[in-house]
Amino acid sequence: MSANVSRRSALGLGAAAAAVASVGMSSPAQAAKSGTAQIKKVYEKEKAKAGGIWHTHIAAVDATGTIKPIVEDDADHVTYGYSVQKLAVATAVMDKIDRGQLTLGTKLDLQADIILGGSGIYHLHGVYGDEITVANFLTAMLLVSDNTAVRMCGRVVPALEINEILAAKGFVHTRVEPVANPNRFFLGPTTPREMHDLLWRLANKTLLSPESCDFLLRITRWVNGYHDGVRRLMSSKERERIATKYGADFNDLGESRHEAGIMFSTDGVPLLTYAMFAEGLGEPENYGATHPAVEAHAKIGRTMLDNLPPVPSAARARSVAPRSLPKPFHPVKGG
């Protein structure tokens, strides 16, 4: 962690100006500019080291609370989102809940013929027939990227309806790909810029109702989620400040490793979004923390957290998204 960031953490936001001065900067604005430059520098270095073809959008709030791009690297490129796209699927399900056509408590049976392998937990059960709630399979889909949960979503919001909902929310490229069965689909394409837009609207609670946004943020910020990438080099408390979703697959170009999310201040103000899509990578079948692109995500993630902008002043609070504070993690022994 850089000296100015450590000092700011130690002394609190009110002493930010003194901390900046002590490392030779004249203002918090200069410190923010330096932090932005550091994020760009590390992004370019780690991208080059990992190889492949990257499409990225990283943005952070400025002093007025307005979200401004830091990295725009082919950010409008249309690419397959793979499991990052599960954020868009969950958005469509929650939109239907907001409209009163479904509830989180609605139950569906977990049928044996719907089970998919790959990431997730349902395929590990071995026996099926459970009745599970919409809340259950959305949690599984976002926390452990369960593939069967995608099919469960399709049973309550068919593919064409998902795309209609996404279009109505202003997304031009973010779609699922329908198949012959109307309740099944492939996860489809998106762009880094559209994923940033989805994330920022989720963070400021305009994508869905505030309650639905909180539900999705609570899951994606939880400490039992994905840790190999952006959140790897962080404490549990730091991980709680980051909502993230990972995606991995391969295509004709090679391996793909994606990650997108939101970083919050310690008091729950969203400060930064990232949407990093990398394809044409090597190391097939390595879906772990040692994949070069995932190692790059970890270093970029640590740099982004260390260089977050300060929370905009109270006078500009109306420009800042509503706070989101998850329930803190505490171990329990059961009983």
C-alpha atoms as a PDB file:
ATOM      1  CA  MET A   1       0.000   0.000   0.000  1.00  0.00           C
ATOM      2  CA  SER A   2       1.362   3.450  -0.895  1.00  0.00           C
ATOM      3  CA  ALA A   3       2.462   5.775   1.881  1.00  0.00           C
ATOM      4  CA  ASN A   4      -0.235   8.383   1.237  1.00  0.00           C
ATOM      5  CA  VAL A   5      -3.024   5.813   1.299  1.00  0.00           C
ATOM      6  CA  SER A   6      -1.766   4.226   4.506  1.00  0.00           C
ATOM      7  CA  ARG A   7      -1.564   7.603   6.161  1.00  0.00           C
ATOM      8  CA  ARG A   8      -5.054   8.537   5.026  1.00  0.00           C
ATOM      9  CA  SER A   9      -6.379   5.273   6.441  1.00  0.00           C
ATOM     10  CA  ALA A  10      -4.610   5.887   9.735  1.00  0.00           C
ATOM     11  CA  LEU A  11      -5.630   9.485  10.210  1.00  0.00           C
ATOM     12  CA  GLY A  12      -9.109   9.387   8.678  1.00  0.00           C
ATOM     13  CA  LEU A  13     -10.615  11.280   5.816  1.00  0.00           C
ATOM     14  CA  GLY A  14     -10.596  14.560   7.729  1.00  0.00           C
ATOM     15  CA  ALA A  15      -6.797  14.559   7.714  1.00  0.00           C
ATOM     16  CA  ALA A  16      -6.504  13.775   4.007  1.00  0.00           C
ATOM     17  CA  ALA A  17      -5.079  17.172   3.117  1.00  0.00           C
ATOM     18  CA  ALA A  18      -2.282  16.853   5.659  1.00  0.00           C
ATOM     19  CA  ALA A  19      -1.480  13.371   4.426  1.00  0.00           C
ATOM     20  CA  VAL A  20      -1.302  14.595   0.852  1.00  0.00           C
ATOM     21  CA  ALA A  21       0.960  17.472   1.784  1.00  0.00           C
ATOM     22  CA  SER A  22       3.323  15.136   3.630  1.00  0.00           C
ATOM     23  CA  VAL A  23       4.103  13.243   0.431  1.00  0.00           C
ATOM     24  CA  GLY A  24       4.610  16.371  -1.619  1.00  0.00           C
ATOM     25  CA  MET A  25       1.192  16.843  -3.187  1.00  0.00           C
ATOM     26  CA  SER A  26      -0.663  20.137  -2.975  1.00  0.00           C
ATOM     27  CA  SER A  27      -4.284  18.961  -2.786  1.00  0.00           C
ATOM     28  CA  PRO A  28      -6.637  15.989  -2.525  1.00  0.00           C
ATOM     29  CA  ALA A  29      -7.386  16.553  -6.219  1.00  0.00           C
ATOM     30  CA  GLN A  30      -3.715  15.967  -7.028  1.00  0.00           C
ATOM     31  CA  ALA A  31      -3.747  12.847  -4.888  1.00  0.00           C
ATOM     32  CA  ALA A  32      -6.775  11.564  -6.790  1.00  0.00           C
ATOM     33  CA  LYS A  33      -5.033  12.286 -10.075  1.00  0.00           C
ATOM     34  CA  SER A  34      -1.979  10.379  -8.879  1.00  0.00           C
ATOM     35  CA  GLY A  35      -4.181   7.449  -7.832  1.00  0.00           C
ATOM     36  CA  THR A  36      -5.829   7.397 -11.247  1.00  0.00           C
ATOM     37  CA  ALA A  37      -2.423   7.347 -12.925  1.00  0.00           C
ATOM     38  CA  GLN A  38      -1.322   4.455 -10.716  1.00  0.00           C
ATOM     39  CA  ILE A  39      -4.392   2.398 -11.616  1.00  0.00           C
ATOM     40  CA  LYS A  40      -3.763   3.008 -15.323  1.00  0.00           C
ATOM     41  CA  LYS A  41      -0.097   2.119 -14.972  1.00  0.00           C
ATOM     42  CA  VAL A  42      -0.707  -1.156 -13.157  1.00  0.00           C
ATOM     43  CA  TYR A  43      -3.548  -2.082 -15.515  1.00  0.00           C
ATOM     44  CA  GLU A  44      -1.325  -1.665 -18.579  1.00  0.00           C
ATOM     45  CA  LYS A  45       1.564  -3.530 -16.963  1.00  0.00           C
ATOM     46  CA  GLU A  46      -0.549  -6.503 -15.857  1.00  0.00           C
ATOM     47  CA  LYS A  47      -2.453  -6.637 -19.141  1.00  0.00           C
ATOM     48  CA  ALA A  48       0.812  -6.873 -21.074  1.00  0.00           C
ATOM     49  CA  LYS A  49       2.152  -9.522 -18.713  1.00  0.00           C
ATOM     50  CA  ALA A  50      -0.976 -11.702 -18.927  1.00  0.00           C
ATOM     51  CA  GLY A  51      -1.282 -11.398 -22.703  1.00  0.00           C
ATOM     52  CA  GLY A  52      -4.477 -11.911 -24.659  1.00  0.00           C
ATOM     53  CA  ILE A  53      -6.971  -9.339 -25.881  1.00  0.00           C
ATOM     54  CA  TRP A  54      -8.491  -7.107 -23.199  1.00  0.00           C
ATOM     55  CA  HIS A  55     -11.672  -5.027 -23.269  1.00  0.00           C
ATOM     56  CA  THR A  56     -12.002  -2.934 -20.112  1.00  0.00           C
ATOM     57  CA  HIS A  57     -13.899  -0.103 -18.468  1.00  0.00           C
ATOM     58  CA  ILE A  58     -12.788   1.190 -15.046  1.00  0.00           C
ATOM     59  CA  ALA A  59     -14.384   4.319 -13.582  1.00  0.00           C
ATOM     60  CA  ALA A  60     -14.368   6.193 -10.267  1.00  0.00           C
ATOM     61  CA  VAL A  61     -16.173   9.140  -8.719  1.00  0.00           C
ATOM     62  CA  ASP A  62     -14.636  12.592  -8.875  1.00  0.00           C
ATOM     63  CA  ALA A  63     -14.862  15.289  -6.202  1.00  0.00           C
ATOM     64  CA  THR A  64     -18.468  16.058  -7.196  1.00  0.00           C
ATOM     65  CA  GLY A  65     -19.559  12.434  -6.969  1.00  0.00           C
ATOM     66  CA  THR A  66     -19.779  12.079 -10.756  1.00  0.00           C
ATOM     67  CA  ILE A  67     -18.518   8.776 -12.120  1.00  0.00           C
ATOM     68  CA  LYS A  68     -15.619   9.320 -14.572  1.00  0.00           C
ATOM     69  CA  PRO A  69     -13.682   6.774 -16.655  1.00  0.00           C
ATOM     70  CA  ILE A  70     -10.148   5.853 -15.618  1.00  0.00           C
ATOM     71  CA  VAL A  71      -9.510   3.114 -18.180  1.00  0.00           C
ATOM     72  CA  GLU A  72     -11.418   2.852 -21.464  1.00  0.00           C
ATOM     73  CA  ASP A  73      -9.697   0.038 -23.314  1.00  0.00           C
ATOM     74  CA  ASP A  74     -11.888  -1.022 -26.251  1.00  0.00           C
ATOM     75  CA  ALA A  75     -14.788  -0.562 -23.824  1.00  0.00           C
ATOM     76  CA  ASP A  76     -17.525  -0.820 -26.450  1.00  0.00           C
ATOM     77  CA  HIS A  77     -16.372  -4.162 -27.815  1.00  0.00           C
ATOM     78  CA  VAL A  78     -19.186  -6.714 -27.877  1.00  0.00           C
ATOM     79  CA  THR A  79     -17.993  -9.939 -26.280  1.00  0.00           C
ATOM     80  CA  TYR A  80     -19.416 -12.951 -24.532  1.00  0.00           C
ATOM     81  CA  GLY A  81     -19.800 -12.196 -20.843  1.00  0.00           C
ATOM     82  CA  TYR A  82     -19.910 -15.841 -19.782  1.00  0.00           C
ATOM     83  CA  SER A  83     -20.725 -16.014 -16.057  1.00  0.00           C
ATOM     84  CA  VAL A  84     -20.427 -12.247 -15.586  1.00  0.00           C
ATOM     85  CA  GLN A  85     -23.652 -12.224 -17.611  1.00  0.00           C
ATOM     86  CA  LYS A  86     -25.426 -13.848 -14.661  1.00  0.00           C
ATOM     87  CA  LEU A  87     -25.657 -10.322 -13.237  1.00  0.00           C
ATOM     88  CA  ALA A  88     -27.884  -9.387 -16.180  1.00  0.00           C
ATOM     89  CA  VAL A  89     -30.004 -12.532 -15.748  1.00  0.00           C
ATOM     90  CA  ALA A  90     -30.451 -11.776 -12.039  1.00  0.00           C
ATOM     91  CA  THR A  91     -31.434  -8.206 -12.937  1.00  0.00           C
ATOM     92  CA  ALA A  92     -34.242  -9.507 -15.161  1.00  0.00           C
ATOM     93  CA  VAL A  93     -35.539 -11.837 -12.433  1.00  0.00           C
ATOM     94  CA  MET A  94     -35.504  -9.052  -9.853  1.00  0.00           C
ATOM     95  CA  ASP A  95     -37.273  -6.709 -12.277  1.00  0.00           C
ATOM     96  CA  LYS A  96     -40.124  -9.208 -12.511  1.00  0.00           C
ATOM     97  CA  ILE A  97     -40.219  -9.346  -8.713  1.00  0.00           C
ATOM     98  CA  ASP A  98     -40.358  -5.548  -8.550  1.00  0.00           C
ATOM     99  CA  ARG A  99     -43.375  -5.640 -10.860  1.00  0.00           C
ATOM    100  CA  GLY A 100     -45.200  -8.056  -8.546  1.00  0.00           C
ATOM    101  CA  GLN A 101     -45.203 -10.980 -10.995  1.00  0.00           C
ATOM    102  CA  LEU A 102     -42.883 -13.124  -8.886  1.00  0.00           C
ATOM    103  CA  THR A 103     -41.506 -13.207  -5.325  1.00  0.00           C
ATOM    104  CA  LEU A 104     -38.219 -14.212  -3.766  1.00  0.00           C
ATOM    105  CA  GLY A 105     -40.216 -16.823  -1.877  1.00  0.00           C
ATOM    106  CA  THR A 106     -41.692 -18.460  -4.986  1.00  0.00           C
ATOM    107  CA  LYS A 107     -40.709 -22.153  -4.958  1.00  0.00           C
ATOM    108  CA  LEU A 108     -39.698 -24.423  -7.824  1.00  0.00           C
ATOM    109  CA  ASP A 109     -38.726 -28.073  -7.763  1.00  0.00           C
ATOM    110  CA  LEU A 110     -35.090 -28.859  -8.524  1.00  0.00           C
ATOM    111  CA  GLN A 111     -35.546 -31.430 -11.265  1.00  0.00           C
ATOM    112  CA  ALA A 112     -32.900 -34.019 -12.111  1.00  0.00           C
ATOM    113  CA  ASP A 113     -33.150 -33.307 -15.852  1.00  0.00           C
ATOM    114  CA  ILE A 114     -32.321 -29.621 -15.378  1.00  0.00           C
ATOM    115  CA  ILE A 115     -28.975 -30.179 -13.635  1.00  0.00           C
ATOM    116  CA  LEU A 116     -25.861 -28.730 -15.296  1.00  0.00           C
ATOM    117  CA  GLY A 117     -22.259 -29.407 -14.317  1.00  0.00           C
ATOM    118  CA  GLY A 118     -19.387 -26.970 -14.206  1.00  0.00           C
ATOM    119  CA  SER A 119     -19.462 -24.250 -11.562  1.00  0.00           C
ATOM    120  CA  GLY A 120     -21.971 -24.390  -8.742  1.00  0.00           C
ATOM    121  CA  ILE A 121     -23.350 -26.646  -6.032  1.00  0.00           C
ATOM    122  CA  TYR A 122     -26.582 -28.238  -7.231  1.00  0.00           C
ATOM    123  CA  HIS A 123     -24.853 -30.822  -9.428  1.00  0.00           C
ATOM    124  CA  LEU A 124     -23.012 -32.047  -6.316  1.00  0.00           C
ATOM    125  CA  HIS A 125     -26.233 -33.068  -4.552  1.00  0.00           C
ATOM    126  CA  GLY A 126     -26.577 -36.364  -6.352  1.00  0.00           C
ATOM    127  CA  VAL A 127     -30.261 -36.583  -5.445  1.00  0.00           C
ATOM    128  CA  TYR A 128     -32.908 -34.140  -6.555  1.00  0.00           C
ATOM    129  CA  GLY A 129     -36.530 -33.162  -6.050  1.00  0.00           C
ATOM    130  CA  ASP A 130     -35.972 -30.326  -3.537  1.00  0.00           C
ATOM    131  CA  GLU A 131     -38.302 -27.361  -3.564  1.00  0.00           C
ATOM    132  CA  ILE A 132     -36.163 -24.233  -3.564  1.00  0.00           C
ATOM    133  CA  THR A 133     -37.030 -20.555  -3.579  1.00  0.00           C
ATOM    134  CA  VAL A 134     -36.127 -17.954  -6.167  1.00  0.00           C
ATOM    135  CA  ALA A 135     -33.922 -16.383  -3.473  1.00  0.00           C
ATOM    136  CA  ASN A 136     -32.122 -19.717  -3.098  1.00  0.00           C
ATOM    137  CA  PHE A 137     -31.155 -20.182  -6.733  1.00  0.00           C
ATOM    138  CA  LEU A 138     -30.306 -16.496  -7.254  1.00  0.00           C
ATOM    139  CA  THR A 139     -27.919 -16.718  -4.305  1.00  0.00           C
ATOM    140  CA  ALA A 140     -26.338 -19.877  -5.736  1.00  0.00           C
ATOM    141  CA  MET A 141     -26.033 -18.270  -9.178  1.00  0.00           C
ATOM    142  CA  LEU A 142     -24.285 -15.127  -7.957  1.00  0.00           C
ATOM    143  CA  LEU A 143     -22.281 -16.421  -4.998  1.00  0.00           C
ATOM    144  CA  VAL A 144     -20.871 -19.649  -6.482  1.00  0.00           C
ATOM    145  CA  SER A 145     -21.856 -19.069 -10.136  1.00  0.00           C
ATOM    146  CA  ASP A 146     -24.158 -22.102 -10.241  1.00  0.00           C
ATOM    147  CA  ASN A 147     -25.022 -23.076 -13.829  1.00  0.00           C
ATOM    148  CA  THR A 148     -28.176 -25.001 -12.945  1.00  0.00           C
ATOM    149  CA  ALA A 149     -29.472 -21.808 -11.330  1.00  0.00           C
ATOM    150  CA  VAL A 150     -29.410 -20.153 -14.767  1.00  0.00           C
ATOM    151  CA  ARG A 151     -31.891 -22.762 -15.978  1.00  0.00           C
ATOM    152  CA  MET A 152     -34.001 -22.158 -12.891  1.00  0.00           C
ATOM    153  CA  CYS A 153     -34.069 -18.450 -13.792  1.00  0.00           C
ATOM    154  CA  GLY A 154     -35.240 -19.369 -17.280  1.00  0.00           C
ATOM    155  CA  ARG A 155     -38.203 -21.195 -15.794  1.00  0.00           C
ATOM    156  CA  VAL A 156     -39.506 -17.989 -14.205  1.00  0.00           C
ATOM    157  CA  VAL A 157     -38.298 -15.475 -16.825  1.00  0.00           C
ATOM    158  CA  PRO A 158     -38.015 -16.960 -20.343  1.00  0.00           C
ATOM    159  CA  ALA A 159     -35.162 -15.906 -22.619  1.00  0.00           C
ATOM    160  CA  LEU A 160     -37.152 -13.494 -24.778  1.00  0.00           C
ATOM    161  CA  GLU A 161     -38.580 -11.794 -21.692  1.00  0.00           C
ATOM    162  CA  ILE A 162     -35.090 -11.403 -20.223  1.00  0.00           C
ATOM    163  CA  ASN A 163     -33.990  -9.628 -23.391  1.00  0.00           C
ATOM    164  CA  GLU A 164     -37.091  -7.423 -23.388  1.00  0.00           C
ATOM    165  CA  ILE A 165     -36.368  -6.377 -19.796  1.00  0.00           C
ATOM    166  CA  LEU A 166     -32.725  -5.611 -20.583  1.00  0.00           C
ATOM    167  CA  ALA A 167     -33.717  -3.598 -23.655  1.00  0.00           C
ATOM    168  CA  ALA A 168     -36.277  -1.632 -21.632  1.00  0.00           C
ATOM    169  CA  LYS A 169     -33.504  -0.721 -19.198  1.00  0.00           C
ATOM    170  CA  GLY A 170     -31.489   0.786 -22.037  1.00  0.00           C
ATOM    171  CA  PHE A 171     -29.004  -1.996 -22.687  1.00  0.00           C
ATOM    172  CA  VAL A 172     -28.314  -2.334 -26.396  1.00  0.00           C
ATOM    173  CA  HIS A 173     -25.896  -5.268 -26.503  1.00  0.00           C
ATOM    174  CA  THR A 174     -26.398  -7.081 -23.187  1.00  0.00           C
ATOM    175  CA  ARG A 175     -28.540 -10.085 -24.045  1.00  0.00           C
ATOM    176  CA  VAL A 176     -29.006 -13.804 -23.526  1.00  0.00           C
ATOM    177  CA  GLU A 177     -29.107 -16.071 -26.584  1.00  0.00           C
ATOM    178  CA  PRO A 178     -32.391 -17.990 -26.930  1.00  0.00           C
ATOM    179  CA  VAL A 179     -32.500 -21.637 -28.012  1.00  0.00           C
ATOM    180  CA  ALA A 180     -35.366 -23.890 -29.108  1.00  0.00           C
ATOM    181  CA  ASN A 181     -36.608 -24.347 -25.544  1.00  0.00           C
ATOM    182  CA  PRO A 182     -38.019 -20.921 -24.563  1.00  0.00           C
ATOM    183  CA  ASN A 183     -36.920 -21.429 -20.935  1.00  0.00           C
ATOM    184  CA  ARG A 184     -33.304 -22.164 -21.858  1.00  0.00           C
ATOM    185  CA  PHE A 185     -30.607 -19.884 -23.238  1.00  0.00           C
ATOM    186  CA  PHE A 186     -26.906 -19.252 -23.550  1.00  0.00           C
ATOM    187  CA  LEU A 187     -25.601 -16.380 -21.455  1.00  0.00           C
ATOM    188  CA  GLY A 188     -24.856 -14.150 -24.434  1.00  0.00           C
ATOM    189  CA  PRO A 189     -22.932 -10.927 -25.107  1.00  0.00           C
ATOM    190  CA  THR A 190     -22.333  -7.609 -23.387  1.00  0.00           C
ATOM    191  CA  THR A 191     -19.774  -4.787 -23.463  1.00  0.00           C
ATOM    192  CA  PRO A 192     -17.527  -3.446 -20.710  1.00  0.00           C
ATOM    193  CA  ARG A 193     -19.305  -0.084 -20.873  1.00  0.00           C
ATOM    194  CA  GLU A 194     -22.764  -1.626 -20.548  1.00  0.00           C
ATOM    195  CA  MET A 195     -21.614  -3.796 -17.660  1.00  0.00           C
ATOM    196  CA  HIS A 196     -20.239  -0.670 -15.962  1.00  0.00           C
ATOM    197  CA  ASP A 197     -23.615   0.985 -16.502  1.00  0.00           C
ATOM    198  CA  LEU A 198     -25.433  -1.991 -14.971  1.00  0.00           C
ATOM    199  CA  LEU A 199     -23.071  -2.012 -11.980  1.00  0.00           C
ATOM    200  CA  TRP A 200     -23.242   1.733 -11.353  1.00  0.00           C
ATOM    201  CA  ARG A 201     -27.032   1.755 -11.509  1.00  0.00           C
ATOM    202  CA  LEU A 202     -27.064  -1.228  -9.167  1.00  0.00           C
ATOM    203  CA  ALA A 203     -24.771   0.644  -6.764  1.00  0.00           C
ATOM    204  CA  ASN A 204     -26.876   3.810  -6.785  1.00  0.00           C
ATOM    205  CA  LYS A 205     -30.090   1.758  -6.615  1.00  0.00           C
ATOM    206  CA  THR A 206     -31.699   2.963  -9.814  1.00  0.00           C
ATOM    207  CA  LEU A 207     -31.350  -0.306 -11.760  1.00  0.00           C
ATOM    208  CA  LEU A 208     -34.121  -1.892  -9.680  1.00  0.00           C
ATOM    209  CA  SER A 209     -36.007  -1.039  -6.504  1.00  0.00           C
ATOM    210  CA  PRO A 210     -33.659  -0.205  -3.601  1.00  0.00           C
ATOM    211  CA  GLU A 211     -34.680  -3.461  -1.889  1.00  0.00           C
ATOM    212  CA  SER A 212     -33.845  -5.544  -4.967  1.00  0.00           C
ATOM    213  CA  CYS A 213     -30.523  -3.762  -5.445  1.00  0.00           C
ATOM    214  CA  ASP A 214     -29.652  -4.430  -1.810  1.00  0.00           C
ATOM    215  CA  PHE A 215     -30.471  -8.121  -2.261  1.00  0.00           C
ATOM    216  CA  LEU A 216     -28.083  -8.487  -5.208  1.00  0.00           C
ATOM    217  CA  LEU A 217     -25.354  -6.424  -3.541  1.00  0.00           C
ATOM    218  CA  ARG A 218     -25.636  -8.438  -0.334  1.00  0.00           C
ATOM    219  CA  ILE A 219     -24.872 -11.627  -2.256  1.00  0.00           C
ATOM    220  CA  THR A 220     -22.109 -10.284  -4.500  1.00  0.00           C
ATOM    221  CA  ARG A 221     -20.299  -8.632  -1.564  1.00  0.00           C
ATOM    222  CA  TRP A 222     -20.398 -11.655   0.710  1.00  0.00           C
ATOM    223  CA  VAL A 223     -17.050 -13.073   1.853  1.00  0.00           C
ATOM    224  CA  ASN A 224     -17.830 -16.635   0.753  1.00  0.00           C
ATOM    225  CA  GLY A 225     -17.879 -15.582  -2.879  1.00  0.00           C
ATOM    226  CA  TYR A 226     -15.139 -15.481  -5.515  1.00  0.00           C
ATOM    227  CA  HIS A 227     -11.688 -14.615  -4.132  1.00  0.00           C
ATOM    228  CA  ASP A 228      -9.131 -15.667  -6.763  1.00  0.00           C
ATOM    229  CA  GLY A 229      -9.181 -12.403  -8.718  1.00  0.00           C
ATOM    230  CA  VAL A 230      -9.767  -8.801  -7.660  1.00  0.00           C
ATOM    231  CA  ARG A 231     -10.397  -9.685  -3.977  1.00  0.00           C
ATOM    232  CA  ARG A 232      -7.483 -12.102  -3.560  1.00  0.00           C
ATOM    233  CA  LEU A 233      -4.931  -9.813  -1.897  1.00  0.00           C
ATOM    234  CA  MET A 234      -7.355  -8.381   0.656  1.00  0.00           C
ATOM    235  CA  SER A 235      -8.523  -8.902   4.214  1.00  0.00           C
ATOM    236  CA  SER A 236     -12.029 -10.158   4.901  1.00  0.00           C
ATOM    237  CA  LYS A 237     -13.113  -6.616   5.823  1.00  0.00           C
ATOM    238  CA  GLU A 238     -11.757  -5.292   2.544  1.00  0.00           C
ATOM    239  CA  ARG A 239     -13.498  -8.061   0.616  1.00  0.00           C
ATOM    240  CA  GLU A 240     -16.820  -7.020   2.159  1.00  0.00           C
ATOM    241  CA  ARG A 241     -16.395  -3.663   0.417  1.00  0.00           C
ATOM    242  CA  ILE A 242     -16.367  -5.220  -3.049  1.00  0.00           C
ATOM    243  CA  ALA A 243     -19.267  -6.667  -5.039  1.00  0.00           C
ATOM    244  CA  THR A 244     -17.809  -8.875  -7.765  1.00  0.00           C
ATOM    245  CA  LYS A 245     -18.720 -11.446 -10.404  1.00  0.00           C
ATOM    246  CA  TYR A 246     -16.276 -13.658 -12.287  1.00  0.00           C
ATOM    247  CA  GLY A 247     -16.657 -15.443 -15.621  1.00  0.00           C
ATOM    248  CA  ALA A 248     -14.458 -17.987 -17.375  1.00  0.00           C
ATOM    249  CA  ASP A 249     -14.769 -20.039 -20.552  1.00  0.00           C
ATOM    250  CA  PHE A 250     -13.053 -20.399 -23.921  1.00  0.00           C
ATOM    251  CA  ASN A 251     -13.751 -19.740 -27.586  1.00  0.00           C
ATOM    252  CA  ASP A 252     -11.913 -19.859 -30.937  1.00  0.00           C
ATOM    253  CA  LEU A 253      -9.540 -17.130 -29.751  1.00  0.00           C
ATOM    254  CA  GLY A 254      -8.453 -19.074 -26.671  1.00  0.00           C
ATOM    255  CA  GLU A 255      -9.271 -18.818 -22.980  1.00  0.00           C
ATOM    256  CA  SER A 256     -11.434 -16.042 -21.517  1.00  0.00           C
ATOM    257  CA  ARG A 257     -11.202 -14.722 -17.965  1.00  0.00           C
ATOM    258  CA  HIS A 258     -13.537 -11.873 -16.979  1.00  0.00           C
ATOM    259  CA  GLU A 259     -14.360 -10.005 -13.780  1.00  0.00           C
ATOM    260  CA  ALA A 260     -16.668  -7.070 -13.052  1.00  0.00           C
ATOM    261  CA  GLY A 261     -17.694  -5.336  -9.854  1.00  0.00           C
ATOM    262  CA  ILE A 262     -18.053  -2.326  -7.572  1.00  0.00           C
ATOM    263  CA  MET A 263     -15.791  -0.991  -4.814  1.00  0.00           C
ATOM    264  CA  PHE A 264     -17.266   0.843  -1.807  1.00  0.00           C
ATOM    265  CA  SER A 265     -15.884   3.082   0.920  1.00  0.00           C
ATOM    266  CA  THR A 266     -15.762   1.759   4.484  1.00  0.00           C
ATOM    267  CA  ASP A 267     -19.132   3.420   5.131  1.00  0.00           C
ATOM    268  CA  GLY A 268     -20.795   1.973   2.047  1.00  0.00           C
ATOM    269  CA  VAL A 269     -20.501   4.694  -0.593  1.00  0.00           C
ATOM    270  CA  PRO A 270     -19.808   3.290  -4.092  1.00  0.00           C
ATOM    271  CA  LEU A 271     -16.608   4.802  -5.441  1.00  0.00           C
ATOM    272  CA  LEU A 272     -15.378   2.684  -8.373  1.00  0.00           C
ATOM    273  CA  THR A 273     -16.590   0.187 -10.950  1.00  0.00           C
ATOM    274  CA  TYR A 274     -14.546  -2.242 -13.017  1.00  0.00           C
ATOM    275  CA  ALA A 275     -15.428  -4.468 -15.973  1.00  0.00           C
ATOM    276  CA  MET A 276     -12.412  -6.391 -17.272  1.00  0.00           C
ATOM    277  CA  PHE A 277     -12.986  -8.837 -20.138  1.00  0.00           C
ATOM    278  CA  ALA A 278      -9.909 -10.715 -21.372  1.00  0.00           C
ATOM    279  CA  GLU A 279      -9.958 -13.293 -24.169  1.00  0.00           C
ATOM    280  CA  GLY A 280      -7.449 -14.969 -26.448  1.00  0.00           C
ATOM    281  CA  LEU A 281      -5.549 -16.136 -23.373  1.00  0.00           C
ATOM    282  CA  GLY A 282      -3.457 -19.260 -22.834  1.00  0.00           C
ATOM    283  CA  GLU A 283      -3.415 -21.890 -20.094  1.00  0.00           C
ATOM    284  CA  PRO A 284      -6.548 -23.864 -21.009  1.00  0.00           C
ATOM    285  CA  GLU A 285      -8.194 -25.781 -18.181  1.00  0.00           C
ATOM    286  CA  ASN A 286      -6.566 -23.535 -15.558  1.00  0.00           C
ATOM    287  CA  TYR A 287      -9.559 -22.009 -13.807  1.00  0.00           C
ATOM    288  CA  GLY A 288      -7.647 -21.219 -10.618  1.00  0.00           C
ATOM    289  CA  ALA A 289      -5.790 -18.342  -9.031  1.00  0.00           C
ATOM    290  CA  THR A 290      -2.565 -19.051 -10.944  1.00  0.00           C
ATOM    291  CA  HIS A 291      -4.002 -18.228 -14.366  1.00  0.00           C
ATOM    292  CA  PRO A 292      -2.051 -15.168 -15.621  1.00  0.00           C
ATOM    293  CA  ALA A 293      -5.175 -13.076 -16.248  1.00  0.00           C
ATOM    294  CA  VAL A 294      -6.564 -13.918 -12.815  1.00  0.00           C
ATOM    295  CA  GLU A 295      -3.227 -13.004 -11.240  1.00  0.00           C
ATOM    296  CA  ALA A 296      -3.458  -9.723 -13.169  1.00  0.00           C
ATOM    297  CA  HIS A 297      -6.961  -9.132 -11.765  1.00  0.00           C
ATOM    298  CA  ALA A 298      -5.584  -9.609  -8.243  1.00  0.00           C
ATOM    299  CA  LYS A 299      -2.831  -7.021  -8.681  1.00  0.00           C
ATOM    300  CA  ILE A 300      -5.119  -4.556 -10.439  1.00  0.00           C
ATOM    301  CA  GLY A 301      -7.728  -5.094  -7.703  1.00  0.00           C
ATOM    302  CA  ARG A 302      -5.274  -4.319  -4.919  1.00  0.00           C
ATOM    303  CA  THR A 303      -4.148  -1.199  -6.764  1.00  0.00           C
ATOM    304  CA  MET A 304      -7.719   0.004  -7.297  1.00  0.00           C
ATOM    305  CA  LEU A 305      -8.589  -0.433  -3.624  1.00  0.00           C
ATOM    306  CA  ASP A 306      -5.400   1.333  -2.509  1.00  0.00           C
ATOM    307  CA  ASN A 307      -6.173   4.269  -4.791  1.00  0.00           C
ATOM    308  CA  LEU A 308      -9.899   4.765  -4.302  1.00  0.00           C
ATOM    309  CA  PRO A 309     -10.950   8.415  -4.389  1.00  0.00           C
ATOM    310  CA  PRO A 310     -12.164   9.977  -1.142  1.00  0.00           C
ATOM    311  CA  VAL A 311     -15.892  10.092  -0.483  1.00  0.00           C
ATOM    312  CA  PRO A 312     -17.256  13.351  -1.941  1.00  0.00           C
ATOM    313  CA  SER A 313     -18.067  16.000   0.650  1.00  0.00           C
ATOM    314  CA  ALA A 314     -21.445  16.175   2.392  1.00  0.00           C
ATOM    315  CA  ALA A 315     -22.291  19.294   0.377  1.00  0.00           C
ATOM    316  CA  ARG A 316     -22.235  17.110  -2.730  1.00  0.00           C
ATOM    317  CA  ALA A 317     -23.894  14.088  -1.149  1.00  0.00           C
ATOM    318  CA  ARG A 318     -26.873  14.230  -3.496  1.00  0.00           C
ATOM    319  CA  SER A 319     -24.506  13.237  -6.321  1.00  0.00           C
ATOM    320  CA  VAL A 320     -23.344  10.165  -4.424  1.00  0.00           C
ATOM    321  CA  ALA A 321     -25.211   6.889  -4.618  1.00  0.00           C
ATOM    322  CA  PRO A 322     -27.040   5.599  -1.522  1.00  0.00           C
ATOM    323  CA  ARG A 323     -24.944   3.689   0.959  1.00  0.00           C
ATOM    324  CA  SER A 324     -24.855  -0.097   1.038  1.00  0.00           C
ATOM    325  CA  LEU A 325     -23.553  -1.826   4.150  1.00  0.00           C
ATOM    326  CA  PRO A 326     -23.667  -5.626   4.315  1.00  0.00           C
ATOM    327  CA  LYS A 327     -24.033  -7.450   7.585  1.00  0.00           C
ATOM    328  CA  PRO A 328     -20.454  -7.987   8.832  1.00  0.00           C
ATOM    329  CA  PHE A 329     -19.059 -11.503   8.768  1.00  0.00           C
ATOM    330  CA  HIS A 330     -18.632 -13.213  12.146  1.00  0.00           C
ATOM    331  CA  PRO A 331     -17.776 -16.913  12.545  1.00  0.00           C
ATOM    332  CA  VAL A 332     -20.194 -19.061  14.548  1.00  0.00           C
ATOM    333  CA  LYS A 333     -19.785 -22.503  16.057  1.00  0.00           C
ATOM    334  CA  GLY A 334     -23.330 -23.684  15.438  1.00  0.00           C
ATOM    335  CA  GLY A 335     -25.438 -25.133  18.211  1.00  0.00           C
END
